[in-house]
Amino acid sequence: MKKILIILLTALCAIACNAEPKSREAEKAAADHGKVLVVYFSRTGEQYSVGNIQEGNTAIVAKMIAQATGGDLFEIKLKNDTYPTTYRALTEVAQQEKRANARPEVADKVTNFDEYGTVFIGCPNWWGDLPMVVYSFMEQYNWAGKQVAPFVTHEGSGLSSIPASIKKTTKADVLSGFSLYGHEAQNERENAQLKVNAWLKKLGF
């Protein structure tokens, strides 16, 4: 009986010792980055290389980030969403909006934006740039003193100039960005999660 108690106490001690560094890491992340907001724009319907999808590629990544960081999620939605659901037609609309430097209206607003120290901004790569509605979102807020971490889904274009565009628009401290193939987000989620976690670790989360 005495041996069993010793074994149990040893096991409990090991669990406690292993848990302490994680708690310290979480406290350090909170001190370094503040409260976290994960903002994303994502599309369903027909998408390149993944067919018709029920959950957007960027939405999948955003939820992984929010879960790993304990951040709050905010989806950028169009007030008047008339975007096509077919891939080619959507790319044509995206190109037209980029040429016009359009600012589609956002449906909702983050009412407690000032509370967040770090904001993750995620979107698909549209013609080497952010979708125009993401500019609409960014231009509504004061980004002074915030850190911004960009993440992008794509099928070959990577981050392109998106981090630089975010920096120019927000004047915030832009952290190292992350890009992931859309087909990985959809069809290789375990591998995608590992890549997200590795990126977050580099950022100090």
N, C-alpha and C. Protein backbone atom coordinates (compact mmCIF):
# COMPACT_ATOMS: atom_id res chain seq x y z
N MET A 1 0.83 -1.21 0.00
CA MET A 1 0.00 0.00 0.00
C MET A 1 0.86 1.26 0.00
N LYS A 2 1.93 1.19 0.83
CA LYS A 2 2.84 2.33 0.92
C LYS A 2 3.51 2.59 -0.43
N LYS A 3 3.89 1.50 -1.11
CA LYS A 3 4.53 1.63 -2.43
C LYS A 3 3.58 2.27 -3.45
N ILE A 4 2.32 1.86 -3.38
CA ILE A 4 1.32 2.42 -4.30
C ILE A 4 1.15 3.92 -4.08
N LEU A 5 1.12 4.34 -2.80
CA LEU A 5 0.99 5.76 -2.48
C LEU A 5 2.19 6.55 -3.00
N ILE A 6 3.38 5.97 -2.84
CA ILE A 6 4.60 6.63 -3.33
C ILE A 6 4.55 6.81 -4.83
N ILE A 7 4.09 5.75 -5.54
CA ILE A 7 3.99 5.81 -7.01
C ILE A 7 3.01 6.89 -7.43
N LEU A 8 1.84 6.94 -6.74
CA LEU A 8 0.83 7.93 -7.07
C LEU A 8 1.33 9.35 -6.83
N LEU A 9 2.01 9.55 -5.70
CA LEU A 9 2.55 10.87 -5.38
C LEU A 9 3.61 11.30 -6.40
N THR A 10 4.42 10.35 -6.83
CA THR A 10 5.45 10.64 -7.83
C THR A 10 4.83 11.04 -9.15
N ALA A 11 3.75 10.32 -9.53
CA ALA A 11 3.06 10.63 -10.79
C ALA A 11 2.42 12.01 -10.74
N LEU A 12 1.78 12.34 -9.61
CA LEU A 12 1.15 13.65 -9.45
C LEU A 12 2.18 14.77 -9.49
N CYS A 13 3.33 14.52 -8.88
CA CYS A 13 4.41 15.51 -8.90
C CYS A 13 4.90 15.76 -10.32
N ALA A 14 5.02 14.65 -11.09
CA ALA A 14 5.49 14.77 -12.48
C ALA A 14 4.52 15.58 -13.32
N ILE A 15 3.21 15.34 -13.10
CA ILE A 15 2.19 16.09 -13.83
C ILE A 15 2.26 17.57 -13.49
N ALA A 16 2.41 17.87 -12.19
CA ALA A 16 2.48 19.26 -11.74
C ALA A 16 3.70 19.96 -12.30
N CYS A 17 4.83 19.24 -12.31
CA CYS A 17 6.08 19.82 -12.82
C CYS A 17 5.99 20.11 -14.31
N ASN A 18 5.32 19.20 -15.03
CA ASN A 18 5.18 19.39 -16.48
C ASN A 18 4.20 20.51 -16.80
N ALA A 19 3.21 20.71 -15.93
CA ALA A 19 2.19 21.72 -16.19
C ALA A 19 2.71 23.14 -15.94
N GLU A 20 3.64 23.29 -15.02
CA GLU A 20 4.11 24.61 -14.64
C GLU A 20 4.74 25.39 -15.78
N PRO A 21 5.65 24.80 -16.59
CA PRO A 21 6.22 25.56 -17.69
C PRO A 21 5.18 26.05 -18.69
N LYS A 22 4.14 25.22 -18.94
CA LYS A 22 3.09 25.62 -19.88
C LYS A 22 2.35 26.83 -19.35
N SER A 23 2.11 26.84 -18.04
CA SER A 23 1.42 27.97 -17.43
C SER A 23 2.27 29.23 -17.56
N ARG A 24 3.55 29.07 -17.35
CA ARG A 24 4.46 30.22 -17.47
C ARG A 24 4.51 30.72 -18.91
N GLU A 25 4.50 29.78 -19.86
CA GLU A 25 4.50 30.15 -21.28
C GLU A 25 3.24 30.95 -21.63
N ALA A 26 2.09 30.48 -21.11
CA ALA A 26 0.83 31.17 -21.37
C ALA A 26 0.84 32.58 -20.78
N GLU A 27 1.39 32.70 -19.56
CA GLU A 27 1.48 34.01 -18.92
C GLU A 27 2.41 34.94 -19.70
N LYS A 28 3.52 34.39 -20.19
CA LYS A 28 4.47 35.19 -20.96
C LYS A 28 3.85 35.66 -22.27
N ALA A 29 3.11 34.74 -22.95
CA ALA A 29 2.45 35.10 -24.20
C ALA A 29 1.44 36.23 -23.97
N ALA A 30 0.70 36.13 -22.88
CA ALA A 30 -0.29 37.16 -22.55
C ALA A 30 0.38 38.50 -22.28
N ALA A 31 1.53 38.45 -21.59
CA ALA A 31 2.26 39.68 -21.29
C ALA A 31 2.85 40.30 -22.54
N ASP A 32 3.35 39.47 -23.43
CA ASP A 32 4.00 39.95 -24.66
C ASP A 32 3.00 40.43 -25.71
N HIS A 33 1.88 39.73 -25.82
CA HIS A 33 0.97 39.97 -26.94
C HIS A 33 -0.38 40.57 -26.55
N GLY A 34 -0.73 40.53 -25.28
CA GLY A 34 -2.02 41.06 -24.86
C GLY A 34 -3.18 40.18 -25.32
N LYS A 35 -4.37 40.70 -25.21
CA LYS A 35 -5.57 39.98 -25.63
C LYS A 35 -5.55 39.80 -27.15
N VAL A 36 -5.97 38.62 -27.61
CA VAL A 36 -5.84 38.26 -29.03
C VAL A 36 -7.18 38.27 -29.74
N LEU A 37 -7.17 38.87 -30.94
CA LEU A 37 -8.33 38.85 -31.84
C LEU A 37 -7.89 38.21 -33.15
N VAL A 38 -8.69 37.27 -33.64
CA VAL A 38 -8.41 36.62 -34.92
C VAL A 38 -9.49 37.05 -35.91
N VAL A 39 -9.10 37.90 -36.85
CA VAL A 39 -10.02 38.44 -37.86
C VAL A 39 -9.77 37.71 -39.17
N TYR A 40 -10.85 37.34 -39.86
CA TYR A 40 -10.64 36.64 -41.13
C TYR A 40 -11.76 36.92 -42.12
N PHE A 41 -11.39 36.85 -43.39
CA PHE A 41 -12.35 36.89 -44.49
C PHE A 41 -12.16 35.60 -45.27
N SER A 42 -13.25 34.90 -45.55
CA SER A 42 -13.14 33.59 -46.18
C SER A 42 -14.36 33.34 -47.05
N ARG A 43 -14.21 32.48 -48.05
CA ARG A 43 -15.31 32.19 -48.97
C ARG A 43 -15.58 30.69 -49.06
N THR A 44 -16.85 30.36 -49.21
CA THR A 44 -17.26 28.98 -49.49
C THR A 44 -17.61 28.90 -50.97
N GLY A 45 -18.31 27.83 -51.37
CA GLY A 45 -18.65 27.66 -52.78
C GLY A 45 -17.50 27.04 -53.55
N GLU A 46 -17.44 27.29 -54.84
CA GLU A 46 -16.40 26.70 -55.67
C GLU A 46 -15.08 27.45 -55.50
N GLN A 47 -14.04 26.71 -55.11
CA GLN A 47 -12.71 27.29 -54.92
C GLN A 47 -11.67 26.44 -55.64
N TYR A 48 -10.64 27.11 -56.10
CA TYR A 48 -9.61 26.46 -56.91
C TYR A 48 -8.96 25.28 -56.17
N SER A 49 -8.89 24.16 -56.85
CA SER A 49 -8.22 22.91 -56.41
C SER A 49 -8.94 22.14 -55.31
N VAL A 50 -10.00 22.71 -54.72
CA VAL A 50 -10.72 21.99 -53.66
C VAL A 50 -12.19 21.78 -53.97
N GLY A 51 -12.67 22.30 -55.11
CA GLY A 51 -14.07 22.11 -55.49
C GLY A 51 -15.01 22.96 -54.66
N ASN A 52 -16.25 22.50 -54.51
CA ASN A 52 -17.25 23.21 -53.73
C ASN A 52 -17.08 22.89 -52.25
N ILE A 53 -16.86 23.92 -51.46
CA ILE A 53 -16.57 23.70 -50.04
C ILE A 53 -17.62 24.36 -49.16
N GLN A 54 -17.84 23.78 -48.00
CA GLN A 54 -18.82 24.27 -47.05
C GLN A 54 -18.21 25.19 -46.01
N GLU A 55 -16.89 25.09 -45.84
CA GLU A 55 -16.17 25.95 -44.90
C GLU A 55 -14.95 26.50 -45.63
N GLY A 56 -14.76 27.80 -45.58
CA GLY A 56 -13.67 28.43 -46.31
C GLY A 56 -12.29 28.01 -45.82
N ASN A 57 -11.32 28.03 -46.71
CA ASN A 57 -9.94 27.66 -46.36
C ASN A 57 -9.39 28.54 -45.24
N THR A 58 -9.58 29.85 -45.38
CA THR A 58 -9.05 30.78 -44.38
C THR A 58 -9.79 30.63 -43.06
N ALA A 59 -11.08 30.33 -43.12
CA ALA A 59 -11.86 30.13 -41.88
C ALA A 59 -11.30 28.97 -41.07
N ILE A 60 -10.90 27.91 -41.76
CA ILE A 60 -10.33 26.75 -41.07
C ILE A 60 -9.07 27.14 -40.32
N VAL A 61 -8.19 27.88 -40.99
CA VAL A 61 -6.93 28.30 -40.36
C VAL A 61 -7.21 29.27 -39.21
N ALA A 62 -8.14 30.18 -39.40
CA ALA A 62 -8.47 31.15 -38.35
C ALA A 62 -8.93 30.45 -37.07
N LYS A 63 -9.73 29.43 -37.22
CA LYS A 63 -10.23 28.70 -36.05
C LYS A 63 -9.11 27.94 -35.35
N MET A 64 -8.15 27.44 -36.12
CA MET A 64 -6.98 26.78 -35.52
C MET A 64 -6.18 27.78 -34.68
N ILE A 65 -5.99 28.98 -35.22
CA ILE A 65 -5.23 30.01 -34.52
C ILE A 65 -5.95 30.44 -33.24
N ALA A 66 -7.26 30.66 -33.34
CA ALA A 66 -8.04 31.08 -32.18
C ALA A 66 -8.00 30.04 -31.07
N GLN A 67 -8.09 28.79 -31.46
CA GLN A 67 -8.07 27.72 -30.46
C GLN A 67 -6.70 27.64 -29.78
N ALA A 68 -5.63 27.78 -30.57
CA ALA A 68 -4.28 27.67 -30.03
C ALA A 68 -3.89 28.85 -29.15
N THR A 69 -4.40 30.04 -29.47
CA THR A 69 -4.02 31.26 -28.73
C THR A 69 -5.04 31.69 -27.69
N GLY A 70 -6.23 31.09 -27.73
CA GLY A 70 -7.31 31.54 -26.85
C GLY A 70 -7.91 32.86 -27.31
N GLY A 71 -7.69 33.19 -28.58
CA GLY A 71 -8.18 34.45 -29.11
C GLY A 71 -9.65 34.43 -29.48
N ASP A 72 -10.21 35.62 -29.63
CA ASP A 72 -11.60 35.77 -30.07
C ASP A 72 -11.65 35.80 -31.60
N LEU A 73 -12.70 35.24 -32.17
CA LEU A 73 -12.87 35.19 -33.62
C LEU A 73 -13.80 36.30 -34.10
N PHE A 74 -13.45 36.90 -35.24
CA PHE A 74 -14.33 37.85 -35.90
C PHE A 74 -14.25 37.62 -37.39
N GLU A 75 -15.38 37.31 -38.01
CA GLU A 75 -15.41 37.10 -39.46
C GLU A 75 -15.83 38.38 -40.17
N ILE A 76 -15.02 38.81 -41.11
CA ILE A 76 -15.37 39.96 -41.95
C ILE A 76 -16.41 39.50 -42.97
N LYS A 77 -17.60 40.11 -42.90
CA LYS A 77 -18.67 39.78 -43.84
C LYS A 77 -19.09 41.03 -44.59
N LEU A 78 -19.45 40.84 -45.84
CA LEU A 78 -19.94 41.95 -46.65
C LEU A 78 -21.36 42.33 -46.23
N LYS A 79 -21.64 43.63 -46.19
CA LYS A 79 -23.00 44.07 -45.87
C LYS A 79 -23.95 43.64 -46.98
N ASN A 80 -23.52 43.79 -48.21
CA ASN A 80 -24.30 43.34 -49.36
C ASN A 80 -23.47 42.32 -50.14
N ASP A 81 -23.65 41.07 -49.80
CA ASP A 81 -22.81 40.01 -50.39
C ASP A 81 -23.44 39.51 -51.69
N THR A 82 -22.95 40.06 -52.77
CA THR A 82 -23.42 39.63 -54.09
C THR A 82 -22.32 38.91 -54.86
N TYR A 83 -21.26 38.51 -54.16
CA TYR A 83 -20.15 37.82 -54.82
C TYR A 83 -20.64 36.51 -55.43
N PRO A 84 -20.12 36.17 -56.61
CA PRO A 84 -20.48 34.88 -57.23
C PRO A 84 -19.97 33.70 -56.39
N THR A 85 -20.62 32.57 -56.54
CA THR A 85 -20.19 31.36 -55.83
C THR A 85 -19.33 30.46 -56.71
N THR A 86 -19.17 30.83 -57.98
CA THR A 86 -18.29 30.06 -58.87
C THR A 86 -16.92 30.72 -58.90
N TYR A 87 -15.89 29.90 -59.03
CA TYR A 87 -14.51 30.38 -58.87
C TYR A 87 -14.12 31.44 -59.90
N ARG A 88 -14.30 31.14 -61.18
CA ARG A 88 -13.83 32.08 -62.21
C ARG A 88 -14.56 33.43 -62.12
N ALA A 89 -15.86 33.38 -61.91
CA ALA A 89 -16.62 34.63 -61.80
C ALA A 89 -16.17 35.44 -60.59
N LEU A 90 -15.85 34.75 -59.51
CA LEU A 90 -15.39 35.43 -58.30
C LEU A 90 -14.05 36.12 -58.54
N THR A 91 -13.15 35.44 -59.26
CA THR A 91 -11.85 36.05 -59.55
C THR A 91 -12.00 37.31 -60.41
N GLU A 92 -12.98 37.30 -61.30
CA GLU A 92 -13.22 38.47 -62.15
C GLU A 92 -13.71 39.65 -61.32
N VAL A 93 -14.62 39.39 -60.38
CA VAL A 93 -15.12 40.44 -59.51
C VAL A 93 -13.98 40.98 -58.63
N ALA A 94 -13.17 40.07 -58.12
CA ALA A 94 -12.04 40.47 -57.28
C ALA A 94 -11.08 41.37 -58.04
N GLN A 95 -10.83 41.04 -59.29
CA GLN A 95 -9.93 41.85 -60.12
C GLN A 95 -10.53 43.23 -60.39
N GLN A 96 -11.82 43.27 -60.68
CA GLN A 96 -12.50 44.55 -60.92
C GLN A 96 -12.42 45.45 -59.68
N GLU A 97 -12.65 44.87 -58.50
CA GLU A 97 -12.60 45.65 -57.27
C GLU A 97 -11.19 46.18 -57.01
N LYS A 98 -10.19 45.35 -57.30
CA LYS A 98 -8.81 45.78 -57.09
C LYS A 98 -8.47 46.95 -58.01
N ARG A 99 -8.84 46.84 -59.28
CA ARG A 99 -8.57 47.92 -60.24
C ARG A 99 -9.24 49.23 -59.83
N ALA A 100 -10.43 49.10 -59.26
CA ALA A 100 -11.19 50.29 -58.84
C ALA A 100 -10.80 50.78 -57.45
N ASN A 101 -9.90 50.03 -56.78
CA ASN A 101 -9.54 50.33 -55.39
C ASN A 101 -10.81 50.48 -54.54
N ALA A 102 -11.72 49.55 -54.74
CA ALA A 102 -13.05 49.59 -54.10
C ALA A 102 -12.95 49.37 -52.60
N ARG A 103 -13.98 49.81 -51.91
CA ARG A 103 -14.09 49.58 -50.47
C ARG A 103 -15.49 49.05 -50.16
N PRO A 104 -15.73 47.75 -50.39
CA PRO A 104 -17.04 47.17 -50.06
C PRO A 104 -17.35 47.35 -48.58
N GLU A 105 -18.61 47.57 -48.28
CA GLU A 105 -19.01 47.84 -46.90
C GLU A 105 -19.02 46.57 -46.06
N VAL A 106 -18.49 46.68 -44.86
CA VAL A 106 -18.45 45.56 -43.92
C VAL A 106 -19.75 45.51 -43.12
N ALA A 107 -20.24 44.29 -42.88
CA ALA A 107 -21.54 44.13 -42.21
C ALA A 107 -21.50 44.50 -40.73
N ASP A 108 -20.44 44.12 -40.03
CA ASP A 108 -20.39 44.31 -38.58
C ASP A 108 -19.08 44.98 -38.17
N LYS A 109 -19.03 45.36 -36.90
CA LYS A 109 -17.84 46.03 -36.38
C LYS A 109 -17.43 45.40 -35.05
N VAL A 110 -16.13 45.41 -34.76
CA VAL A 110 -15.62 44.94 -33.47
C VAL A 110 -15.78 46.09 -32.48
N THR A 111 -16.71 45.96 -31.57
CA THR A 111 -17.05 47.08 -30.67
C THR A 111 -15.98 47.31 -29.60
N ASN A 112 -15.24 46.26 -29.24
CA ASN A 112 -14.23 46.38 -28.18
C ASN A 112 -12.81 46.27 -28.74
N PHE A 113 -12.61 46.82 -29.93
CA PHE A 113 -11.33 46.66 -30.63
C PHE A 113 -10.13 47.16 -29.81
N ASP A 114 -10.32 48.21 -29.04
CA ASP A 114 -9.23 48.79 -28.26
C ASP A 114 -8.67 47.83 -27.21
N GLU A 115 -9.44 46.81 -26.85
CA GLU A 115 -9.00 45.88 -25.80
C GLU A 115 -7.90 44.91 -26.28
N TYR A 116 -7.74 44.78 -27.59
CA TYR A 116 -6.84 43.75 -28.12
C TYR A 116 -5.43 44.29 -28.36
N GLY A 117 -4.45 43.48 -27.93
CA GLY A 117 -3.05 43.83 -28.15
C GLY A 117 -2.49 43.26 -29.43
N THR A 118 -2.98 42.08 -29.81
CA THR A 118 -2.53 41.41 -31.04
C THR A 118 -3.73 41.03 -31.88
N VAL A 119 -3.66 41.37 -33.16
CA VAL A 119 -4.74 41.05 -34.09
C VAL A 119 -4.17 40.22 -35.23
N PHE A 120 -4.66 39.00 -35.38
CA PHE A 120 -4.35 38.17 -36.54
C PHE A 120 -5.32 38.55 -37.65
N ILE A 121 -4.79 38.79 -38.85
CA ILE A 121 -5.64 39.12 -39.99
C ILE A 121 -5.43 38.07 -41.07
N GLY A 122 -6.51 37.35 -41.42
CA GLY A 122 -6.41 36.28 -42.41
C GLY A 122 -7.34 36.48 -43.59
N CYS A 123 -6.87 36.05 -44.76
CA CYS A 123 -7.67 36.17 -45.98
C CYS A 123 -7.09 35.29 -47.07
N PRO A 124 -7.85 35.05 -48.12
CA PRO A 124 -7.28 34.41 -49.31
C PRO A 124 -6.45 35.44 -50.08
N ASN A 125 -5.48 34.97 -50.81
CA ASN A 125 -4.69 35.84 -51.67
C ASN A 125 -5.45 36.06 -52.97
N TRP A 126 -5.90 37.29 -53.18
CA TRP A 126 -6.64 37.64 -54.40
C TRP A 126 -5.78 38.56 -55.26
N TRP A 127 -5.29 38.03 -56.35
CA TRP A 127 -4.48 38.80 -57.28
C TRP A 127 -3.28 39.45 -56.59
N GLY A 128 -2.63 38.66 -55.71
CA GLY A 128 -1.44 39.14 -55.04
C GLY A 128 -1.70 40.19 -53.98
N ASP A 129 -2.94 40.28 -53.50
CA ASP A 129 -3.32 41.35 -52.58
C ASP A 129 -4.41 40.86 -51.63
N LEU A 130 -4.72 41.71 -50.66
CA LEU A 130 -5.87 41.47 -49.79
C LEU A 130 -7.16 41.68 -50.58
N PRO A 131 -8.20 40.92 -50.29
CA PRO A 131 -9.52 41.30 -50.81
C PRO A 131 -9.86 42.72 -50.35
N MET A 132 -10.50 43.49 -51.19
CA MET A 132 -10.74 44.90 -50.89
C MET A 132 -11.56 45.12 -49.62
N VAL A 133 -12.42 44.17 -49.29
CA VAL A 133 -13.23 44.33 -48.08
C VAL A 133 -12.36 44.28 -46.82
N VAL A 134 -11.19 43.65 -46.91
CA VAL A 134 -10.29 43.64 -45.74
C VAL A 134 -9.70 45.03 -45.52
N TYR A 135 -9.44 45.76 -46.61
CA TYR A 135 -9.03 47.16 -46.46
C TYR A 135 -10.14 47.96 -45.79
N SER A 136 -11.38 47.70 -46.20
CA SER A 136 -12.53 48.39 -45.57
C SER A 136 -12.52 48.17 -44.07
N PHE A 137 -12.27 46.93 -43.67
CA PHE A 137 -12.22 46.59 -42.25
C PHE A 137 -11.09 47.35 -41.55
N MET A 138 -9.88 47.27 -42.11
CA MET A 138 -8.72 47.85 -41.44
C MET A 138 -8.84 49.35 -41.27
N GLU A 139 -9.43 50.01 -42.25
CA GLU A 139 -9.50 51.47 -42.23
C GLU A 139 -10.51 52.03 -41.22
N GLN A 140 -11.26 51.15 -40.57
CA GLN A 140 -12.25 51.60 -39.57
C GLN A 140 -11.65 51.82 -38.19
N TYR A 141 -10.43 51.34 -37.95
CA TYR A 141 -9.91 51.26 -36.59
C TYR A 141 -8.59 52.01 -36.40
N ASN A 142 -8.32 52.29 -35.13
CA ASN A 142 -7.03 52.84 -34.72
C ASN A 142 -6.13 51.68 -34.30
N TRP A 143 -5.02 51.51 -35.01
CA TRP A 143 -4.13 50.37 -34.77
C TRP A 143 -2.91 50.73 -33.94
N ALA A 144 -2.85 51.90 -33.39
CA ALA A 144 -1.69 52.35 -32.62
C ALA A 144 -1.43 51.40 -31.45
N GLY A 145 -0.17 50.98 -31.32
CA GLY A 145 0.23 50.12 -30.21
C GLY A 145 -0.10 48.66 -30.37
N LYS A 146 -0.68 48.27 -31.51
CA LYS A 146 -1.06 46.87 -31.70
C LYS A 146 -0.03 46.11 -32.53
N GLN A 147 0.02 44.80 -32.32
CA GLN A 147 0.77 43.90 -33.17
C GLN A 147 -0.21 43.23 -34.12
N VAL A 148 0.21 43.07 -35.37
CA VAL A 148 -0.64 42.42 -36.36
C VAL A 148 0.10 41.24 -36.97
N ALA A 149 -0.56 40.10 -37.02
CA ALA A 149 0.04 38.89 -37.60
C ALA A 149 -0.79 38.45 -38.81
N PRO A 150 -0.26 38.57 -40.02
CA PRO A 150 -1.02 38.20 -41.22
C PRO A 150 -0.95 36.69 -41.48
N PHE A 151 -2.07 36.14 -41.95
CA PHE A 151 -2.05 34.76 -42.45
C PHE A 151 -2.91 34.68 -43.71
N VAL A 152 -2.46 33.85 -44.64
CA VAL A 152 -3.03 33.84 -45.99
C VAL A 152 -3.19 32.40 -46.47
N THR A 153 -4.31 32.13 -47.15
CA THR A 153 -4.45 30.86 -47.88
C THR A 153 -4.36 31.16 -49.37
N HIS A 154 -3.83 30.21 -50.11
CA HIS A 154 -3.52 30.46 -51.53
C HIS A 154 -3.32 29.12 -52.23
N GLU A 155 -3.05 29.19 -53.52
CA GLU A 155 -2.69 27.98 -54.27
C GLU A 155 -1.44 28.23 -55.11
N GLY A 156 -0.51 29.00 -54.54
CA GLY A 156 0.76 29.21 -55.22
C GLY A 156 1.32 30.61 -55.08
N SER A 157 0.51 31.56 -54.64
CA SER A 157 0.94 32.96 -54.57
C SER A 157 1.57 33.34 -53.24
N GLY A 158 1.42 32.49 -52.23
CA GLY A 158 2.01 32.78 -50.92
C GLY A 158 1.46 34.06 -50.31
N LEU A 159 2.32 34.75 -49.56
CA LEU A 159 1.92 35.99 -48.89
C LEU A 159 1.89 37.18 -49.84
N SER A 160 2.64 37.09 -50.95
CA SER A 160 2.78 38.22 -51.88
C SER A 160 3.12 39.50 -51.11
N SER A 161 2.44 40.60 -51.43
CA SER A 161 2.74 41.88 -50.76
C SER A 161 1.77 42.16 -49.62
N ILE A 162 1.04 41.15 -49.19
CA ILE A 162 -0.01 41.36 -48.18
C ILE A 162 0.52 41.92 -46.86
N PRO A 163 1.62 41.38 -46.28
CA PRO A 163 2.11 41.99 -45.04
C PRO A 163 2.48 43.47 -45.20
N ALA A 164 3.11 43.80 -46.34
CA ALA A 164 3.48 45.20 -46.58
C ALA A 164 2.24 46.09 -46.72
N SER A 165 1.20 45.56 -47.35
CA SER A 165 -0.04 46.32 -47.51
C SER A 165 -0.72 46.55 -46.15
N ILE A 166 -0.68 45.54 -45.30
CA ILE A 166 -1.24 45.69 -43.94
C ILE A 166 -0.45 46.74 -43.16
N LYS A 167 0.86 46.68 -43.28
CA LYS A 167 1.72 47.66 -42.59
C LYS A 167 1.41 49.08 -43.06
N LYS A 168 1.29 49.25 -44.36
CA LYS A 168 1.03 50.57 -44.93
C LYS A 168 -0.33 51.11 -44.47
N THR A 169 -1.32 50.23 -44.38
CA THR A 169 -2.68 50.65 -44.03
C THR A 169 -2.85 50.91 -42.54
N THR A 170 -2.29 50.03 -41.71
CA THR A 170 -2.52 50.12 -40.26
C THR A 170 -1.44 50.90 -39.51
N LYS A 171 -0.23 50.95 -40.08
CA LYS A 171 0.95 51.54 -39.40
C LYS A 171 1.28 50.78 -38.11
N ALA A 172 0.77 49.56 -37.98
CA ALA A 172 0.99 48.76 -36.78
C ALA A 172 2.31 48.00 -36.89
N ASP A 173 2.68 47.34 -35.80
CA ASP A 173 3.85 46.47 -35.77
C ASP A 173 3.44 45.13 -36.40
N VAL A 174 3.84 44.89 -37.64
CA VAL A 174 3.43 43.68 -38.36
C VAL A 174 4.43 42.56 -38.12
N LEU A 175 3.95 41.46 -37.57
CA LEU A 175 4.78 40.30 -37.27
C LEU A 175 4.98 39.43 -38.50
N SER A 176 5.85 38.46 -38.40
CA SER A 176 6.11 37.54 -39.50
C SER A 176 4.83 36.81 -39.91
N GLY A 177 4.53 36.82 -41.20
CA GLY A 177 3.28 36.24 -41.69
C GLY A 177 3.36 34.75 -41.95
N PHE A 178 2.20 34.18 -42.26
CA PHE A 178 2.07 32.73 -42.47
C PHE A 178 1.20 32.49 -43.69
N SER A 179 1.60 31.56 -44.53
CA SER A 179 0.77 31.20 -45.69
C SER A 179 0.61 29.69 -45.75
N LEU A 180 -0.52 29.26 -46.25
CA LEU A 180 -0.84 27.83 -46.34
C LEU A 180 -1.67 27.58 -47.58
N TYR A 181 -1.35 26.50 -48.28
CA TYR A 181 -2.16 26.12 -49.44
C TYR A 181 -3.59 25.83 -48.98
N GLY A 182 -4.56 26.28 -49.78
CA GLY A 182 -5.95 26.03 -49.46
C GLY A 182 -6.29 24.56 -49.41
N HIS A 183 -5.69 23.77 -50.31
CA HIS A 183 -6.00 22.33 -50.31
C HIS A 183 -5.45 21.65 -49.06
N GLU A 184 -4.39 22.21 -48.47
CA GLU A 184 -3.89 21.66 -47.21
C GLU A 184 -4.88 21.94 -46.08
N ALA A 185 -5.39 23.17 -46.05
CA ALA A 185 -6.37 23.52 -45.01
C ALA A 185 -7.59 22.62 -45.09
N GLN A 186 -8.05 22.32 -46.31
CA GLN A 186 -9.24 21.51 -46.49
C GLN A 186 -9.01 20.03 -46.26
N ASN A 187 -7.92 19.51 -46.83
CA ASN A 187 -7.77 18.05 -46.93
C ASN A 187 -6.64 17.44 -46.09
N GLU A 188 -5.79 18.29 -45.50
CA GLU A 188 -4.67 17.78 -44.70
C GLU A 188 -4.63 18.55 -43.38
N ARG A 189 -5.70 18.47 -42.64
CA ARG A 189 -5.87 19.36 -41.49
C ARG A 189 -4.88 19.08 -40.36
N GLU A 190 -4.52 17.84 -40.17
CA GLU A 190 -3.56 17.54 -39.11
C GLU A 190 -2.21 18.18 -39.43
N ASN A 191 -1.79 18.07 -40.68
CA ASN A 191 -0.54 18.68 -41.11
C ASN A 191 -0.64 20.21 -41.07
N ALA A 192 -1.80 20.72 -41.46
CA ALA A 192 -2.01 22.17 -41.41
C ALA A 192 -1.91 22.69 -39.97
N GLN A 193 -2.49 21.96 -39.05
CA GLN A 193 -2.43 22.37 -37.64
C GLN A 193 -1.00 22.41 -37.13
N LEU A 194 -0.19 21.42 -37.53
CA LEU A 194 1.21 21.41 -37.12
C LEU A 194 1.94 22.65 -37.64
N LYS A 195 1.66 23.02 -38.88
CA LYS A 195 2.31 24.20 -39.46
C LYS A 195 1.85 25.48 -38.77
N VAL A 196 0.57 25.56 -38.45
CA VAL A 196 0.05 26.72 -37.72
C VAL A 196 0.72 26.81 -36.35
N ASN A 197 0.79 25.69 -35.65
CA ASN A 197 1.40 25.68 -34.32
C ASN A 197 2.87 26.10 -34.36
N ALA A 198 3.59 25.63 -35.39
CA ALA A 198 5.01 25.98 -35.52
C ALA A 198 5.18 27.48 -35.73
N TRP A 199 4.31 28.07 -36.54
CA TRP A 199 4.35 29.52 -36.77
C TRP A 199 4.04 30.28 -35.49
N LEU A 200 3.00 29.86 -34.78
CA LEU A 200 2.63 30.53 -33.55
C LEU A 200 3.75 30.46 -32.51
N LYS A 201 4.44 29.35 -32.48
CA LYS A 201 5.56 29.18 -31.53
C LYS A 201 6.65 30.19 -31.86
N LYS A 202 6.93 30.40 -33.15
CA LYS A 202 7.94 31.39 -33.56
C LYS A 202 7.54 32.80 -33.14
N LEU A 203 6.23 33.05 -33.11
CA LEU A 203 5.74 34.38 -32.69
C LEU A 203 5.71 34.54 -31.18
N GLY A 204 5.92 33.43 -30.46
CA GLY A 204 5.94 33.51 -29.00
C GLY A 204 4.65 33.10 -28.33
N PHE A 205 3.77 32.39 -29.06
CA PHE A 205 2.51 31.91 -28.47
C PHE A 205 2.65 30.44 -28.06
